[in-house]
N, C-alpha and C. Protein backbone atom coordinates (compact mmCIF):
# COMPACT_ATOMS: atom_id res chain seq x y z
N UNK A 1 0.81 -1.11 0.00
CA UNK A 1 0.00 -0.16 -0.09
C UNK A 1 0.87 1.47 0.23
N UNK A 2 1.93 1.16 0.39
CA UNK A 2 2.97 2.02 0.63
C UNK A 2 2.42 3.77 1.07
N UNK A 3 2.41 4.66 1.04
CA UNK A 3 1.80 5.81 1.73
C UNK A 3 0.49 6.47 0.79
N UNK A 4 -0.26 5.51 0.29
CA UNK A 4 -1.34 5.57 -0.25
C UNK A 4 -2.61 6.30 0.66
N UNK A 5 -2.56 5.76 1.75
CA UNK A 5 -3.63 5.90 2.75
C UNK A 5 -3.71 7.47 3.52
N UNK A 6 -2.47 8.00 3.40
CA UNK A 6 -2.04 9.38 3.81
C UNK A 6 -2.91 10.15 3.76
N UNK A 7 -3.36 10.83 2.47
CA UNK A 7 -4.36 11.37 2.27
C UNK A 7 -5.48 11.23 2.71
N UNK A 8 -6.44 10.48 2.36
CA UNK A 8 -7.76 9.91 2.91
C UNK A 8 -7.86 9.98 4.40
N UNK A 9 -6.67 9.51 4.88
CA UNK A 9 -6.57 9.44 6.59
C UNK A 9 -6.58 10.82 7.42
N UNK A 10 -5.61 11.77 6.56
CA UNK A 10 -5.51 13.08 6.92
C UNK A 10 -6.38 13.94 6.99
N UNK A 11 -7.38 13.68 5.52
CA UNK A 11 -8.61 14.22 5.34
C UNK A 11 -9.85 13.85 6.55
N UNK A 12 -9.70 13.11 6.69
CA UNK A 12 -10.60 12.51 7.67
C UNK A 12 -10.52 13.19 8.91
N UNK A 13 -9.13 13.02 9.36
CA UNK A 13 -8.88 13.57 10.82
C UNK A 13 -8.69 14.80 10.95
N UNK A 14 -9.01 15.82 9.53
CA UNK A 14 -9.06 16.89 9.65
C UNK A 14 -10.54 18.00 9.59
N UNK A 15 -11.19 16.68 9.39
CA UNK A 15 -12.69 17.03 9.91
C UNK A 15 -13.33 16.95 8.03
N UNK A 16 -12.87 16.52 6.96
CA UNK A 16 -13.28 16.60 5.94
C UNK A 16 -13.94 15.15 5.49
N UNK A 17 -14.27 14.52 4.16
CA UNK A 17 -14.62 13.67 3.80
C UNK A 17 -14.23 12.28 4.89
N UNK A 18 -15.24 11.51 5.36
CA UNK A 18 -15.11 10.18 6.32
C UNK A 18 -14.88 11.06 7.70
N UNK A 19 -15.37 11.92 7.96
CA UNK A 19 -14.91 12.48 9.69
C UNK A 19 -15.56 11.96 10.44
N UNK A 20 -16.78 11.25 10.22
CA UNK A 20 -17.36 10.70 11.10
C UNK A 20 -17.00 9.37 11.57
N UNK A 21 -16.21 8.83 10.15
CA UNK A 21 -15.87 7.16 10.48
C UNK A 21 -14.23 7.48 11.25
N UNK A 22 -13.73 8.60 11.04
CA UNK A 22 -13.05 8.75 11.83
C UNK A 22 -13.21 8.74 13.23
N UNK A 23 -14.03 9.60 13.62
CA UNK A 23 -14.54 9.99 14.59
C UNK A 23 -14.82 8.83 15.61
N UNK A 24 -15.62 7.74 14.98
CA UNK A 24 -16.29 6.84 15.28
C UNK A 24 -15.26 5.81 15.90
N UNK A 25 -14.32 5.66 15.10
CA UNK A 25 -13.24 4.75 15.15
C UNK A 25 -11.90 4.82 15.74
N UNK A 26 -11.54 5.92 15.99
CA UNK A 26 -10.29 6.60 16.40
C UNK A 26 -10.25 5.92 18.01
N UNK A 27 -11.15 5.39 18.45
CA UNK A 27 -10.62 5.08 19.83
C UNK A 27 -11.36 3.65 20.11
N UNK A 28 -11.37 3.00 18.85
CA UNK A 28 -11.80 1.32 18.75
C UNK A 28 -10.68 0.74 19.22
N UNK A 29 -10.98 -0.60 20.02
CA UNK A 29 -9.60 -1.31 19.75
C UNK A 29 -8.85 -1.61 18.58
N UNK A 30 -7.57 -1.86 18.43
CA UNK A 30 -6.86 -2.04 17.35
C UNK A 30 -7.48 -3.16 16.35
N UNK A 31 -7.92 -4.41 17.26
CA UNK A 31 -8.19 -5.54 16.49
C UNK A 31 -9.86 -5.57 16.02
N UNK A 32 -10.35 -4.79 16.55
CA UNK A 32 -11.57 -4.27 15.72
C UNK A 32 -11.57 -3.56 14.80
N UNK A 33 -10.18 -2.63 14.38
CA UNK A 33 -10.19 -2.05 13.40
C UNK A 33 -9.45 -3.04 12.27
N UNK A 34 -8.32 -4.05 12.70
CA UNK A 34 -8.03 -4.95 11.77
C UNK A 34 -9.11 -5.57 11.11
N UNK A 35 -9.84 -6.07 12.11
CA UNK A 35 -10.89 -7.06 11.82
C UNK A 35 -12.14 -6.23 10.38
N UNK A 36 -12.13 -5.19 10.74
CA UNK A 36 -12.95 -4.26 10.05
C UNK A 36 -12.13 -4.28 8.49
N UNK A 37 -11.00 -3.91 8.92
CA UNK A 37 -10.08 -3.73 7.16
C UNK A 37 -10.13 -5.17 6.71
N UNK A 38 -9.89 -6.54 7.00
CA UNK A 38 -10.12 -7.64 6.51
C UNK A 38 -11.64 -7.75 6.04
N UNK A 39 -12.52 -7.44 6.65
CA UNK A 39 -13.75 -7.47 6.19
C UNK A 39 -14.02 -6.40 4.58
N UNK A 40 -13.36 -5.31 5.00
CA UNK A 40 -13.43 -4.42 3.53
C UNK A 40 -12.84 -5.07 2.42
N UNK A 41 -11.73 -5.77 2.78
CA UNK A 41 -10.64 -6.53 1.66
C UNK A 41 -11.81 -7.36 1.44
N UNK A 42 -12.28 -7.68 1.75
CA UNK A 42 -13.15 -8.86 1.19
C UNK A 42 -14.61 -8.71 0.59
N UNK A 43 -14.98 -7.08 0.89
CA UNK A 43 -15.98 -6.47 -0.04
C UNK A 43 -15.57 -6.18 -1.37
N UNK A 44 -14.40 -5.50 -1.27
CA UNK A 44 -13.58 -5.08 -2.51
C UNK A 44 -13.62 -6.54 -3.32
N UNK A 45 -13.05 -7.46 -2.84
CA UNK A 45 -12.92 -8.52 -3.53
C UNK A 45 -14.08 -9.15 -4.13
N UNK A 46 -15.56 -9.38 -3.45
CA UNK A 46 -16.71 -9.31 -3.74
C UNK A 46 -17.41 -8.42 -5.09
N UNK A 47 -16.79 -7.27 -4.86
CA UNK A 47 -17.38 -6.03 -5.98
C UNK A 47 -16.48 -6.30 -6.86
N UNK A 48 -15.11 -6.88 -7.15
CA UNK A 48 -14.24 -7.15 -8.26
C UNK A 48 -14.89 -8.09 -8.85
N UNK A 49 -15.58 -9.12 -8.30
CA UNK A 49 -16.15 -10.58 -8.92
C UNK A 49 -17.32 -10.00 -9.77
N UNK A 50 -18.00 -9.16 -8.74
CA UNK A 50 -19.46 -8.53 -9.45
C UNK A 50 -19.23 -7.62 -10.79
N UNK A 51 -18.08 -6.88 -11.00
CA UNK A 51 -17.78 -6.27 -12.13
C UNK A 51 -17.33 -7.13 -13.27
N UNK A 52 -16.66 -8.15 -12.89
CA UNK A 52 -16.11 -9.14 -13.97
C UNK A 52 -17.19 -10.23 -14.15
N UNK A 53 -18.10 -10.54 -13.38
CA UNK A 53 -19.01 -11.30 -13.48
C UNK A 53 -20.25 -11.04 -13.46
N UNK A 54 -20.74 -10.03 -13.72
CA UNK A 54 -22.07 -9.10 -13.35
C UNK A 54 -23.54 -10.53 -13.39
N UNK A 55 -23.52 -11.52 -14.32
CA UNK A 55 -24.40 -12.14 -14.71
C UNK A 55 -24.72 -12.90 -13.34
N UNK A 56 -23.68 -13.37 -12.21
CA UNK A 56 -23.55 -13.71 -11.12
C UNK A 56 -24.74 -13.17 -10.14
N UNK A 57 -24.53 -12.02 -10.49
CA UNK A 57 -25.35 -11.09 -9.36
C UNK A 57 -26.48 -10.29 -9.72
N UNK A 58 -26.64 -9.97 -11.03
CA UNK A 58 -27.71 -8.95 -11.66
C UNK A 58 -28.94 -10.01 -11.87
N UNK A 59 -30.06 -9.70 -11.74
CA UNK A 59 -31.23 -10.19 -12.20
C UNK A 59 -31.42 -9.95 -13.43
N UNK A 60 -32.59 -10.77 -14.11
CA UNK A 60 -32.10 -10.96 -15.47
C UNK A 60 -33.36 -9.49 -15.69
N UNK A 61 -34.24 -9.60 -14.97
CA UNK A 61 -35.12 -8.14 -15.21
C UNK A 61 -34.43 -7.35 -15.60
N UNK A 62 -33.31 -6.60 -15.08
CA UNK A 62 -32.58 -5.18 -15.03
C UNK A 62 -32.59 -5.04 -16.63
N UNK A 63 -33.00 -3.54 -16.52
CA UNK A 63 -32.57 -3.02 -18.08
C UNK A 63 -30.94 -3.04 -18.32
N UNK A 64 -30.45 -2.48 -19.37
CA UNK A 64 -29.30 -2.56 -19.69
C UNK A 64 -28.71 -1.29 -19.09
N UNK A 65 -29.56 -0.16 -19.00
CA UNK A 65 -29.04 0.85 -18.24
C UNK A 65 -28.84 0.74 -16.86
N UNK A 66 -29.76 -0.09 -16.10
CA UNK A 66 -29.49 -0.38 -14.53
C UNK A 66 -28.47 -1.17 -14.23
N UNK A 67 -28.23 -2.37 -15.73
CA UNK A 67 -27.05 -3.11 -15.29
C UNK A 67 -25.46 -2.16 -15.62
N UNK A 68 -25.39 -1.29 -16.43
CA UNK A 68 -24.37 -0.60 -16.79
C UNK A 68 -24.11 0.19 -15.47
N UNK A 69 -25.04 0.93 -15.04
CA UNK A 69 -25.12 1.86 -13.95
C UNK A 69 -24.56 0.95 -12.47
N UNK A 70 -24.74 -0.45 -12.23
CA UNK A 70 -24.00 -1.28 -11.46
C UNK A 70 -22.57 -1.39 -11.60
N UNK A 71 -22.44 -1.67 -12.97
CA UNK A 71 -21.10 -2.07 -13.36
C UNK A 71 -19.75 -1.08 -13.25
N UNK A 72 -20.43 0.04 -13.91
CA UNK A 72 -19.67 1.14 -14.42
C UNK A 72 -19.51 2.21 -13.49
N UNK A 73 -20.57 2.20 -12.72
CA UNK A 73 -20.68 3.54 -11.75
C UNK A 73 -20.92 2.90 -10.12
N UNK A 74 -21.66 2.37 -9.72
CA UNK A 74 -22.22 1.87 -8.46
C UNK A 74 -20.67 1.10 -7.76
N UNK A 75 -20.83 -0.01 -8.56
CA UNK A 75 -19.80 -0.94 -7.71
C UNK A 75 -18.30 -0.26 -7.69
N UNK A 76 -17.66 0.05 -8.83
CA UNK A 76 -16.58 1.04 -8.63
C UNK A 76 -16.75 2.25 -7.75
N UNK A 77 -17.56 2.52 -7.47
CA UNK A 77 -17.56 3.62 -6.56
C UNK A 77 -17.92 3.00 -4.87
N UNK A 78 -18.21 2.24 -4.96
CA UNK A 78 -18.32 1.19 -3.61
C UNK A 78 -16.40 1.06 -3.40
N UNK A 79 -16.36 0.18 -4.55
CA UNK A 79 -14.73 -0.04 -3.94
C UNK A 79 -13.83 1.15 -3.59
N UNK A 80 -14.05 2.28 -3.89
CA UNK A 80 -13.23 3.43 -3.96
C UNK A 80 -13.75 3.57 -2.47
N UNK A 81 -14.46 3.40 -1.82
CA UNK A 81 -15.27 4.11 -0.77
C UNK A 81 -14.88 2.99 0.49
N UNK A 82 -14.39 1.93 0.08
CA UNK A 82 -14.13 0.73 0.69
C UNK A 82 -12.53 0.77 1.28
N UNK A 83 -11.88 1.18 -0.18
CA UNK A 83 -10.57 1.63 0.15
C UNK A 83 -10.00 2.73 1.13
N UNK A 84 -10.88 3.78 0.69
CA UNK A 84 -10.68 5.13 1.61
C UNK A 84 -11.01 4.61 3.40
N UNK A 85 -11.95 4.13 3.66
CA UNK A 85 -12.07 3.39 4.67
C UNK A 85 -10.87 2.68 5.11
N UNK A 86 -10.22 1.75 4.33
CA UNK A 86 -9.30 1.02 4.59
C UNK A 86 -7.87 2.15 5.07
N UNK A 87 -7.72 2.83 4.18
CA UNK A 87 -6.87 4.00 4.35
C UNK A 87 -7.05 4.84 5.74
N UNK A 88 -7.93 5.10 5.95
CA UNK A 88 -8.38 5.98 7.41
C UNK A 88 -8.01 4.60 8.66
N UNK A 89 -8.32 3.76 8.21
CA UNK A 89 -8.29 2.47 9.44
C UNK A 89 -6.82 2.47 9.64
N UNK A 90 -6.00 2.41 8.53
CA UNK A 90 -4.34 2.09 8.37
C UNK A 90 -3.86 3.51 9.00
N UNK A 91 -4.47 4.62 8.77
CA UNK A 91 -3.93 5.57 9.29
C UNK A 91 -4.27 5.78 10.96
N UNK A 92 -5.28 5.32 11.43
CA UNK A 92 -5.14 5.22 13.08
C UNK A 92 -4.26 4.00 13.77
N UNK A 93 -4.31 2.98 12.86
CA UNK A 93 -3.37 2.09 13.36
C UNK A 93 -1.90 2.50 13.32
N UNK A 94 -1.32 3.25 12.14
CA UNK A 94 -0.28 3.61 12.05
C UNK A 94 0.44 4.79 13.05
N UNK A 95 -0.86 5.90 13.27
CA UNK A 95 -0.60 7.05 14.52
C UNK A 95 -0.45 6.23 15.83
N UNK A 96 -1.52 5.12 16.11
CA UNK A 96 -1.09 4.24 17.40
C UNK A 96 0.14 4.04 17.47
N UNK A 97 0.78 3.04 16.34
CA UNK A 97 1.94 2.46 16.63
C UNK A 97 3.16 3.49 16.76
N UNK A 98 2.85 4.59 16.09
CA UNK A 98 3.69 5.70 16.54
C UNK A 98 3.92 6.26 17.44
N UNK A 99 2.67 6.39 18.20
CA UNK A 99 2.87 6.73 19.66
C UNK A 99 3.50 5.80 20.53
N UNK A 100 3.20 4.40 20.56
CA UNK A 100 4.06 3.41 20.91
C UNK A 100 5.60 3.55 21.26
N UNK A 101 5.98 3.91 19.74
CA UNK A 101 7.28 3.87 19.48
C UNK A 101 7.97 5.07 20.09
N UNK A 102 7.37 6.46 20.25
CA UNK A 102 8.00 7.42 20.37
C UNK A 102 8.09 7.87 21.72
């Protein structure tokens, strides 16, 4: 992941996008945050599979416009949101680890 997490984490910490997530989770136990990261990674994998194999997940009666909305807009947006949440959780854990070693 490198340093990718920093921008989303710092934005949330500063009160911007995902500030509520940051506020709710900053005091949570580290093991709960790690569990959430694992869960979000699973959700990303599921959504990637939905994009790659939409017929497994989309009902036959949806219009092509609705299908395209799921495949090209909704599911990719969800993946981005999950990744941003992982980055915020990573930032919380990194900050804690830094505080322990300082």
